[in-house]
All heavy atoms as atom14 arrays in JSON, in Angstrom:
{
  "sequence": "KRRVDEFIQYGLVASKHAIENSGLELDSLDSSRIGVSIGSGI",
  "atom14_mask": [
    [1, 1, 1, 1, 1, 1, 1, 1, 1, 0, 0, 0, 0, 0],
    [1, 1, 1, 1, 1, 1, 1, 1, 1, 1, 1, 0, 0, 0],
    [1, 1, 1, 1, 1, 1, 1, 1, 1, 1, 1, 0, 0, 0],
    [1, 1, 1, 1, 1, 1, 1, 0, 0, 0, 0, 0, 0, 0],
    [1, 1, 1, 1, 1, 1, 1, 1, 0, 0, 0, 0, 0, 0],
    [1, 1, 1, 1, 1, 1, 1, 1, 1, 0, 0, 0, 0, 0],
    [1, 1, 1, 1, 1, 1, 1, 1, 1, 1, 1, 0, 0, 0],
    [1, 1, 1, 1, 1, 1, 1, 1, 0, 0, 0, 0, 0, 0],
    [1, 1, 1, 1, 1, 1, 1, 1, 1, 0, 0, 0, 0, 0],
    [1, 1, 1, 1, 1, 1, 1, 1, 1, 1, 1, 1, 0, 0],
    [1, 1, 1, 1, 0, 0, 0, 0, 0, 0, 0, 0, 0, 0],
    [1, 1, 1, 1, 1, 1, 1, 1, 0, 0, 0, 0, 0, 0],
    [1, 1, 1, 1, 1, 1, 1, 0, 0, 0, 0, 0, 0, 0],
    [1, 1, 1, 1, 1, 0, 0, 0, 0, 0, 0, 0, 0, 0],
    [1, 1, 1, 1, 1, 1, 0, 0, 0, 0, 0, 0, 0, 0],
    [1, 1, 1, 1, 1, 1, 1, 1, 1, 0, 0, 0, 0, 0],
    [1, 1, 1, 1, 1, 1, 1, 1, 1, 1, 0, 0, 0, 0],
    [1, 1, 1, 1, 1, 0, 0, 0, 0, 0, 0, 0, 0, 0],
    [1, 1, 1, 1, 1, 1, 1, 1, 0, 0, 0, 0, 0, 0],
    [1, 1, 1, 1, 1, 1, 1, 1, 1, 0, 0, 0, 0, 0],
    [1, 1, 1, 1, 1, 1, 1, 1, 0, 0, 0, 0, 0, 0],
    [1, 1, 1, 1, 1, 1, 0, 0, 0, 0, 0, 0, 0, 0],
    [1, 1, 1, 1, 0, 0, 0, 0, 0, 0, 0, 0, 0, 0],
    [1, 1, 1, 1, 1, 1, 1, 1, 0, 0, 0, 0, 0, 0],
    [1, 1, 1, 1, 1, 1, 1, 1, 1, 0, 0, 0, 0, 0],
    [1, 1, 1, 1, 1, 1, 1, 1, 0, 0, 0, 0, 0, 0],
    [1, 1, 1, 1, 1, 1, 1, 1, 0, 0, 0, 0, 0, 0],
    [1, 1, 1, 1, 1, 1, 0, 0, 0, 0, 0, 0, 0, 0],
    [1, 1, 1, 1, 1, 1, 1, 1, 0, 0, 0, 0, 0, 0],
    [1, 1, 1, 1, 1, 1, 1, 1, 0, 0, 0, 0, 0, 0],
    [1, 1, 1, 1, 1, 1, 0, 0, 0, 0, 0, 0, 0, 0],
    [1, 1, 1, 1, 1, 1, 0, 0, 0, 0, 0, 0, 0, 0],
    [1, 1, 1, 1, 1, 1, 1, 1, 1, 1, 1, 0, 0, 0],
    [1, 1, 1, 1, 1, 1, 1, 1, 0, 0, 0, 0, 0, 0],
    [1, 1, 1, 1, 0, 0, 0, 0, 0, 0, 0, 0, 0, 0],
    [1, 1, 1, 1, 1, 1, 1, 0, 0, 0, 0, 0, 0, 0],
    [1, 1, 1, 1, 1, 1, 0, 0, 0, 0, 0, 0, 0, 0],
    [1, 1, 1, 1, 1, 1, 1, 1, 0, 0, 0, 0, 0, 0],
    [1, 1, 1, 1, 0, 0, 0, 0, 0, 0, 0, 0, 0, 0],
    [1, 1, 1, 1, 1, 1, 0, 0, 0, 0, 0, 0, 0, 0],
    [1, 1, 1, 1, 0, 0, 0, 0, 0, 0, 0, 0, 0, 0],
    [1, 1, 1, 1, 1, 1, 1, 1, 0, 0, 0, 0, 0, 0]
  ],
  "atom14_positions": [
    [[-10.58, 80.75, -29.42], [-10.13, 82.01, -28.84], [-8.91, 82.56, -29.56], [-8.77, 83.77, -29.75], [-9.81, 81.82, -27.35], [-11.02, 81.54, -26.47], [-10.59, 81.36, -25.03], [-11.76, 81.03, -24.12], [-11.34, 80.84, -22.71], [0.0, 0.0, 0.0], [0.0, 0.0, 0.0], [0.0, 0.0, 0.0], [0.0, 0.0, 0.0], [0.0, 0.0, 0.0]],
    [[-8.02, 81.67, -29.97], [-6.8, 82.11, -30.64], [-7.04, 82.5, -32.09], [-6.33, 83.35, -32.63], [-5.75, 80.99, -30.59], [-5.17, 80.73, -29.2], [-4.23, 79.53, -29.25], [-3.59, 79.28, -27.95], [-2.85, 78.22, -27.7], [-2.64, 77.31, -28.64], [-2.3, 78.06, -26.5], [0.0, 0.0, 0.0], [0.0, 0.0, 0.0], [0.0, 0.0, 0.0]],
    [[-8.04, 81.9, -32.71], [-8.2, 82.02, -34.16], [-9.15, 83.14, -34.59], [-9.04, 83.61, -35.72], [-8.69, 80.7, -34.74], [-7.65, 79.58, -34.66], [-8.24, 78.26, -35.12], [-7.22, 77.2, -35.13], [-7.45, 75.94, -35.43], [-8.69, 75.55, -35.76], [-6.47, 75.05, -35.42], [0.0, 0.0, 0.0], [0.0, 0.0, 0.0], [0.0, 0.0, 0.0]],
    [[-10.09, 83.54, -33.74], [-11.1, 84.49, -34.2], [-11.09, 85.76, -33.35], [-10.74, 85.75, -32.18], [-12.51, 83.87, -34.2], [-12.54, 82.62, -35.05], [-13.01, 83.58, -32.79], [0.0, 0.0, 0.0], [0.0, 0.0, 0.0], [0.0, 0.0, 0.0], [0.0, 0.0, 0.0], [0.0, 0.0, 0.0], [0.0, 0.0, 0.0], [0.0, 0.0, 0.0]],
    [[-11.5, 86.83, -33.99], [-11.55, 88.14, -33.34], [-12.52, 88.13, -32.15], [-13.45, 87.33, -32.08], [-12.0, 89.19, -34.35], [-11.81, 90.6, -33.84], [-10.7, 91.14, -34.0], [-12.76, 91.15, -33.25], [0.0, 0.0, 0.0], [0.0, 0.0, 0.0], [0.0, 0.0, 0.0], [0.0, 0.0, 0.0], [0.0, 0.0, 0.0], [0.0, 0.0, 0.0]],
    [[-12.3, 89.07, -31.25], [-13.13, 89.12, -30.05], [-14.59, 89.43, -30.35], [-15.48, 88.99, -29.63], [-12.55, 90.15, -29.06], [-13.01, 89.92, -27.63], [-12.1, 90.58, -26.61], [-10.91, 90.83, -26.93], [-12.57, 90.84, -25.49], [0.0, 0.0, 0.0], [0.0, 0.0, 0.0], [0.0, 0.0, 0.0], [0.0, 0.0, 0.0], [0.0, 0.0, 0.0]],
    [[-14.87, 90.19, -31.43], [-16.27, 90.46, -31.74], [-17.0, 89.16, -32.08], [-18.2, 89.01, -31.75], [-16.38, 91.48, -32.89], [-16.57, 90.89, -34.26], [-17.83, 90.7, -34.81], [-15.46, 90.52, -35.02], [-18.0, 90.16, -36.07], [-15.61, 89.98, -36.29], [-16.89, 89.8, -36.82], [0.0, 0.0, 0.0], [0.0, 0.0, 0.0], [0.0, 0.0, 0.0]],
    [[-16.32, 88.21, -32.71], [-16.92, 86.91, -33.0], [-17.14, 86.14, -31.7], [-18.19, 85.51, -31.51], [-16.03, 86.11, -33.96], [-15.94, 86.81, -35.31], [-16.56, 84.68, -34.13], [-15.01, 86.14, -36.31], [0.0, 0.0, 0.0], [0.0, 0.0, 0.0], [0.0, 0.0, 0.0], [0.0, 0.0, 0.0], [0.0, 0.0, 0.0], [0.0, 0.0, 0.0]],
    [[-16.19, 86.22, -30.79], [-16.34, 85.55, -29.5], [-17.53, 86.11, -28.72], [-18.3, 85.36, -28.11], [-15.05, 85.67, -28.7], [-13.85, 84.98, -29.36], [-12.59, 85.12, -28.55], [-12.59, 84.96, -27.33], [-11.48, 85.42, -29.22], [0.0, 0.0, 0.0], [0.0, 0.0, 0.0], [0.0, 0.0, 0.0], [0.0, 0.0, 0.0], [0.0, 0.0, 0.0]],
    [[-17.7, 87.43, -28.74], [-18.86, 88.04, -28.09], [-20.16, 87.45, -28.68], [-21.09, 87.11, -27.94], [-18.88, 89.55, -28.29], [-17.81, 90.33, -27.58], [-17.57, 91.66, -27.91], [-17.03, 89.77, -26.57], [-16.6, 92.41, -27.26], [-16.05, 90.5, -25.92], [-15.84, 91.83, -26.28], [-14.88, 92.57, -25.64], [0.0, 0.0, 0.0], [0.0, 0.0, 0.0]],
    [[-20.2, 87.38, -30.01], [-21.4, 86.87, -30.67], [-21.68, 85.41, -30.36], [-22.83, 85.02, -30.17], [0.0, 0.0, 0.0], [0.0, 0.0, 0.0], [0.0, 0.0, 0.0], [0.0, 0.0, 0.0], [0.0, 0.0, 0.0], [0.0, 0.0, 0.0], [0.0, 0.0, 0.0], [0.0, 0.0, 0.0], [0.0, 0.0, 0.0], [0.0, 0.0, 0.0]],
    [[-20.62, 84.61, -30.3], [-20.78, 83.19, -29.98], [-21.31, 82.99, -28.56], [-22.22, 82.19, -28.33], [-19.44, 82.47, -30.14], [-18.96, 82.22, -31.57], [-17.51, 81.75, -31.56], [-19.84, 81.2, -32.27], [0.0, 0.0, 0.0], [0.0, 0.0, 0.0], [0.0, 0.0, 0.0], [0.0, 0.0, 0.0], [0.0, 0.0, 0.0], [0.0, 0.0, 0.0]],
    [[-20.77, 83.73, -27.6], [-21.2, 83.57, -26.21], [-22.62, 84.11, -26.03], [-23.45, 83.5, -25.34], [-20.21, 84.25, -25.25], [-20.73, 84.21, -23.82], [-18.84, 83.57, -25.33], [0.0, 0.0, 0.0], [0.0, 0.0, 0.0], [0.0, 0.0, 0.0], [0.0, 0.0, 0.0], [0.0, 0.0, 0.0], [0.0, 0.0, 0.0], [0.0, 0.0, 0.0]],
    [[-22.93, 85.26, -26.63], [-24.28, 85.81, -26.53], [-25.3, 84.87, -27.17], [-26.42, 84.72, -26.67], [-24.34, 87.19, -27.18], [0.0, 0.0, 0.0], [0.0, 0.0, 0.0], [0.0, 0.0, 0.0], [0.0, 0.0, 0.0], [0.0, 0.0, 0.0], [0.0, 0.0, 0.0], [0.0, 0.0, 0.0], [0.0, 0.0, 0.0], [0.0, 0.0, 0.0]],
    [[-24.92, 84.22, -28.27], [-25.81, 83.25, -28.92], [-26.06, 82.05, -28.02], [-27.2, 81.56, -27.92], [-25.2, 82.78, -30.25], [-25.09, 83.84, -31.17], [0.0, 0.0, 0.0], [0.0, 0.0, 0.0], [0.0, 0.0, 0.0], [0.0, 0.0, 0.0], [0.0, 0.0, 0.0], [0.0, 0.0, 0.0], [0.0, 0.0, 0.0], [0.0, 0.0, 0.0]],
    [[-25.02, 81.59, -27.37], [-25.16, 80.47, -26.44], [-26.15, 80.83, -25.33], [-27.04, 80.04, -24.99], [-23.8, 80.11, -25.85], [-23.81, 78.96, -24.83], [-22.39, 78.66, -24.36], [-22.36, 77.46, -23.41], [-23.02, 77.77, -22.12], [0.0, 0.0, 0.0], [0.0, 0.0, 0.0], [0.0, 0.0, 0.0], [0.0, 0.0, 0.0], [0.0, 0.0, 0.0]],
    [[-25.99, 82.03, -24.78], [-26.89, 82.46, -23.72], [-28.34, 82.57, -24.23], [-29.29, 82.21, -23.52], [-26.44, 83.82, -23.18], [-25.15, 83.76, -22.41], [-24.51, 84.88, -21.93], [-24.38, 82.7, -22.04], [-23.41, 84.52, -21.29], [-23.3, 83.21, -21.36], [0.0, 0.0, 0.0], [0.0, 0.0, 0.0], [0.0, 0.0, 0.0], [0.0, 0.0, 0.0]],
    [[-28.51, 83.1, -25.44], [-29.86, 83.26, -25.99], [-30.53, 81.92, -26.24], [-31.72, 81.74, -25.96], [-29.79, 84.07, -27.29], [0.0, 0.0, 0.0], [0.0, 0.0, 0.0], [0.0, 0.0, 0.0], [0.0, 0.0, 0.0], [0.0, 0.0, 0.0], [0.0, 0.0, 0.0], [0.0, 0.0, 0.0], [0.0, 0.0, 0.0], [0.0, 0.0, 0.0]],
    [[-29.77, 80.96, -26.76], [-30.32, 79.63, -27.03], [-30.7, 78.95, -25.72], [-31.77, 78.34, -25.6], [-29.32, 78.79, -27.84], [-29.19, 79.36, -29.26], [-29.76, 77.33, -27.9], [-28.04, 78.79, -30.06], [0.0, 0.0, 0.0], [0.0, 0.0, 0.0], [0.0, 0.0, 0.0], [0.0, 0.0, 0.0], [0.0, 0.0, 0.0], [0.0, 0.0, 0.0]],
    [[-29.83, 79.07, -24.73], [-30.15, 78.5, -23.42], [-31.38, 79.18, -22.81], [-32.26, 78.52, -22.25], [-28.96, 78.66, -22.47], [-27.77, 77.77, -22.85], [-26.55, 78.05, -21.98], [-26.55, 79.07, -21.24], [-25.59, 77.25, -22.04], [0.0, 0.0, 0.0], [0.0, 0.0, 0.0], [0.0, 0.0, 0.0], [0.0, 0.0, 0.0], [0.0, 0.0, 0.0]],
    [[-31.47, 80.49, -22.96], [-32.6, 81.25, -22.43], [-33.91, 80.86, -23.11], [-34.98, 80.9, -22.49], [-32.33, 82.75, -22.61], [-33.43, 83.63, -22.07], [-34.18, 84.24, -22.83], [-33.52, 83.73, -20.75], [0.0, 0.0, 0.0], [0.0, 0.0, 0.0], [0.0, 0.0, 0.0], [0.0, 0.0, 0.0], [0.0, 0.0, 0.0], [0.0, 0.0, 0.0]],
    [[-33.83, 80.46, -24.37], [-35.03, 80.1, -25.14], [-35.58, 78.73, -24.77], [-36.74, 78.42, -25.06], [-34.72, 80.11, -26.63], [-33.91, 78.99, -27.0], [0.0, 0.0, 0.0], [0.0, 0.0, 0.0], [0.0, 0.0, 0.0], [0.0, 0.0, 0.0], [0.0, 0.0, 0.0], [0.0, 0.0, 0.0], [0.0, 0.0, 0.0], [0.0, 0.0, 0.0]],
    [[-34.74, 77.88, -24.17], [-35.17, 76.52, -23.86], [-35.24, 75.61, -25.07], [-35.78, 74.5, -24.99], [0.0, 0.0, 0.0], [0.0, 0.0, 0.0], [0.0, 0.0, 0.0], [0.0, 0.0, 0.0], [0.0, 0.0, 0.0], [0.0, 0.0, 0.0], [0.0, 0.0, 0.0], [0.0, 0.0, 0.0], [0.0, 0.0, 0.0], [0.0, 0.0, 0.0]],
    [[-34.68, 76.03, -26.18], [-34.7, 75.21, -27.39], [-33.86, 73.94, -27.21], [-32.75, 73.99, -26.68], [-34.15, 75.98, -28.58], [-35.05, 77.04, -29.22], [-34.24, 77.89, -30.2], [-36.23, 76.39, -29.94], [0.0, 0.0, 0.0], [0.0, 0.0, 0.0], [0.0, 0.0, 0.0], [0.0, 0.0, 0.0], [0.0, 0.0, 0.0], [0.0, 0.0, 0.0]],
    [[-34.38, 72.82, -27.67], [-33.63, 71.58, -27.74], [-33.32, 71.34, -29.21], [-34.05, 70.66, -29.93], [-34.44, 70.44, -27.14], [-34.72, 70.62, -25.65], [-35.52, 69.48, -25.06], [-35.84, 68.53, -25.8], [-35.83, 69.53, -23.85], [0.0, 0.0, 0.0], [0.0, 0.0, 0.0], [0.0, 0.0, 0.0], [0.0, 0.0, 0.0], [0.0, 0.0, 0.0]],
    [[-32.22, 71.92, -29.65], [-31.91, 71.96, -31.08], [-31.76, 70.58, -31.7], [-32.08, 70.38, -32.88], [-30.65, 72.79, -31.31], [-30.76, 74.28, -30.92], [-29.41, 74.96, -31.11], [-31.83, 74.97, -31.74], [0.0, 0.0, 0.0], [0.0, 0.0, 0.0], [0.0, 0.0, 0.0], [0.0, 0.0, 0.0], [0.0, 0.0, 0.0], [0.0, 0.0, 0.0]],
    [[-31.27, 69.62, -30.95], [-31.06, 68.27, -31.5], [-32.36, 67.6, -31.93], [-32.35, 66.69, -32.76], [-30.35, 67.39, -30.47], [-28.91, 67.82, -30.23], [-28.37, 68.54, -31.09], [-28.35, 67.46, -29.18], [0.0, 0.0, 0.0], [0.0, 0.0, 0.0], [0.0, 0.0, 0.0], [0.0, 0.0, 0.0], [0.0, 0.0, 0.0], [0.0, 0.0, 0.0]],
    [[-33.47, 68.06, -31.37], [-34.76, 67.44, -31.68], [-35.51, 68.16, -32.79], [-36.62, 67.76, -33.16], [-35.63, 67.39, -30.42], [-35.98, 68.71, -30.0], [0.0, 0.0, 0.0], [0.0, 0.0, 0.0], [0.0, 0.0, 0.0], [0.0, 0.0, 0.0], [0.0, 0.0, 0.0], [0.0, 0.0, 0.0], [0.0, 0.0, 0.0], [0.0, 0.0, 0.0]],
    [[-34.91, 69.23, -33.35], [-35.59, 70.05, -34.35], [-34.98, 69.86, -35.74], [-33.85, 69.39, -35.88], [-35.52, 71.52, -33.94], [-36.14, 71.87, -32.59], [-35.88, 73.34, -32.25], [-37.64, 71.59, -32.59], [0.0, 0.0, 0.0], [0.0, 0.0, 0.0], [0.0, 0.0, 0.0], [0.0, 0.0, 0.0], [0.0, 0.0, 0.0], [0.0, 0.0, 0.0]],
    [[-35.72, 70.25, -36.75], [-35.25, 70.2, -38.13], [-34.25, 71.33, -38.35], [-34.63, 72.51, -38.41], [-36.44, 70.34, -39.09], [-36.04, 70.27, -40.56], [-34.82, 70.21, -40.86], [-36.95, 70.31, -41.41], [0.0, 0.0, 0.0], [0.0, 0.0, 0.0], [0.0, 0.0, 0.0], [0.0, 0.0, 0.0], [0.0, 0.0, 0.0], [0.0, 0.0, 0.0]],
    [[-32.97, 71.01, -38.46], [-31.92, 72.02, -38.54], [-32.03, 72.88, -39.8], [-31.52, 74.0, -39.83], [-30.54, 71.37, -38.48], [-30.32, 70.54, -39.61], [0.0, 0.0, 0.0], [0.0, 0.0, 0.0], [0.0, 0.0, 0.0], [0.0, 0.0, 0.0], [0.0, 0.0, 0.0], [0.0, 0.0, 0.0], [0.0, 0.0, 0.0], [0.0, 0.0, 0.0]],
    [[-32.68, 72.36, -40.84], [-32.82, 73.13, -42.07], [-33.81, 74.28, -41.92], [-33.9, 75.15, -42.77], [-33.26, 72.23, -43.22], [-34.59, 71.77, -43.03], [0.0, 0.0, 0.0], [0.0, 0.0, 0.0], [0.0, 0.0, 0.0], [0.0, 0.0, 0.0], [0.0, 0.0, 0.0], [0.0, 0.0, 0.0], [0.0, 0.0, 0.0], [0.0, 0.0, 0.0]],
    [[-34.57, 74.27, -40.81], [-35.56, 75.32, -40.56], [-35.07, 76.32, -39.52], [-35.85, 77.15, -39.02], [-36.88, 74.68, -40.07], [-37.49, 73.69, -41.04], [-38.0, 74.38, -42.29], [-39.06, 75.34, -41.99], [-39.54, 76.21, -42.87], [-39.04, 76.25, -44.1], [-40.5, 77.04, -42.52], [0.0, 0.0, 0.0], [0.0, 0.0, 0.0], [0.0, 0.0, 0.0]],
    [[-33.78, 76.27, -39.18], [-33.21, 77.19, -38.19], [-32.03, 77.92, -38.83], [-31.09, 77.3, -39.32], [-32.73, 76.44, -36.93], [-33.85, 75.55, -36.37], [-32.25, 77.43, -35.87], [-33.4, 74.65, -35.23], [0.0, 0.0, 0.0], [0.0, 0.0, 0.0], [0.0, 0.0, 0.0], [0.0, 0.0, 0.0], [0.0, 0.0, 0.0], [0.0, 0.0, 0.0]],
    [[-32.07, 79.25, -38.8], [-31.02, 80.04, -39.43], [-30.35, 81.0, -38.47], [-30.73, 81.11, -37.3], [0.0, 0.0, 0.0], [0.0, 0.0, 0.0], [0.0, 0.0, 0.0], [0.0, 0.0, 0.0], [0.0, 0.0, 0.0], [0.0, 0.0, 0.0], [0.0, 0.0, 0.0], [0.0, 0.0, 0.0], [0.0, 0.0, 0.0], [0.0, 0.0, 0.0]],
    [[-29.34, 81.7, -38.98], [-28.57, 82.65, -38.17], [-28.31, 83.91, -38.99], [-27.91, 83.84, -40.15], [-27.21, 82.06, -37.73], [-26.51, 83.01, -36.76], [-27.37, 80.68, -37.12], [0.0, 0.0, 0.0], [0.0, 0.0, 0.0], [0.0, 0.0, 0.0], [0.0, 0.0, 0.0], [0.0, 0.0, 0.0], [0.0, 0.0, 0.0], [0.0, 0.0, 0.0]],
    [[-28.55, 85.07, -38.36], [-28.19, 86.35, -38.98], [-27.73, 87.3, -37.89], [-28.54, 87.93, -37.22], [-29.38, 86.95, -39.74], [-29.01, 88.2, -40.31], [0.0, 0.0, 0.0], [0.0, 0.0, 0.0], [0.0, 0.0, 0.0], [0.0, 0.0, 0.0], [0.0, 0.0, 0.0], [0.0, 0.0, 0.0], [0.0, 0.0, 0.0], [0.0, 0.0, 0.0]],
    [[-26.42, 87.37, -37.69], [-25.83, 88.26, -36.69], [-24.89, 89.21, -37.42], [-23.95, 88.79, -38.08], [-25.06, 87.46, -35.62], [-26.01, 86.49, -34.91], [-24.4, 88.41, -34.61], [-25.31, 85.53, -33.97], [0.0, 0.0, 0.0], [0.0, 0.0, 0.0], [0.0, 0.0, 0.0], [0.0, 0.0, 0.0], [0.0, 0.0, 0.0], [0.0, 0.0, 0.0]],
    [[-25.17, 90.5, -37.32], [-24.41, 91.49, -38.07], [-23.35, 92.19, -37.24], [-23.23, 91.99, -36.03], [0.0, 0.0, 0.0], [0.0, 0.0, 0.0], [0.0, 0.0, 0.0], [0.0, 0.0, 0.0], [0.0, 0.0, 0.0], [0.0, 0.0, 0.0], [0.0, 0.0, 0.0], [0.0, 0.0, 0.0], [0.0, 0.0, 0.0], [0.0, 0.0, 0.0]],
    [[-22.57, 93.04, -37.9], [-21.55, 93.86, -37.24], [-21.29, 95.08, -38.1], [-21.37, 95.01, -39.33], [-20.26, 93.06, -37.04], [-19.28, 93.84, -36.38], [0.0, 0.0, 0.0], [0.0, 0.0, 0.0], [0.0, 0.0, 0.0], [0.0, 0.0, 0.0], [0.0, 0.0, 0.0], [0.0, 0.0, 0.0], [0.0, 0.0, 0.0], [0.0, 0.0, 0.0]],
    [[-21.0, 96.19, -37.46], [-20.74, 97.4, -38.21], [-19.35, 97.45, -38.8], [-19.14, 97.95, -39.9], [0.0, 0.0, 0.0], [0.0, 0.0, 0.0], [0.0, 0.0, 0.0], [0.0, 0.0, 0.0], [0.0, 0.0, 0.0], [0.0, 0.0, 0.0], [0.0, 0.0, 0.0], [0.0, 0.0, 0.0], [0.0, 0.0, 0.0], [0.0, 0.0, 0.0]],
    [[-18.36, 96.91, -38.07], [-16.97, 96.98, -38.5], [-16.33, 95.61, -38.63], [-15.52, 95.36, -39.51], [-16.15, 97.85, -37.51], [-16.66, 99.3, -37.54], [-14.67, 97.81, -37.86], [-15.95, 100.23, -36.59], [0.0, 0.0, 0.0], [0.0, 0.0, 0.0], [0.0, 0.0, 0.0], [0.0, 0.0, 0.0], [0.0, 0.0, 0.0], [0.0, 0.0, 0.0]]
  ]
}
């Protein structure tokens, strides 16, 4: 919270919610086959 801008915090929390909503069990999957692309205008 102290180190990163609030837009990053929004993205981190929204990602957490999306992953939870998906039901993914990431620890059981091949991490090299999972990527991230979250953009921002500013």
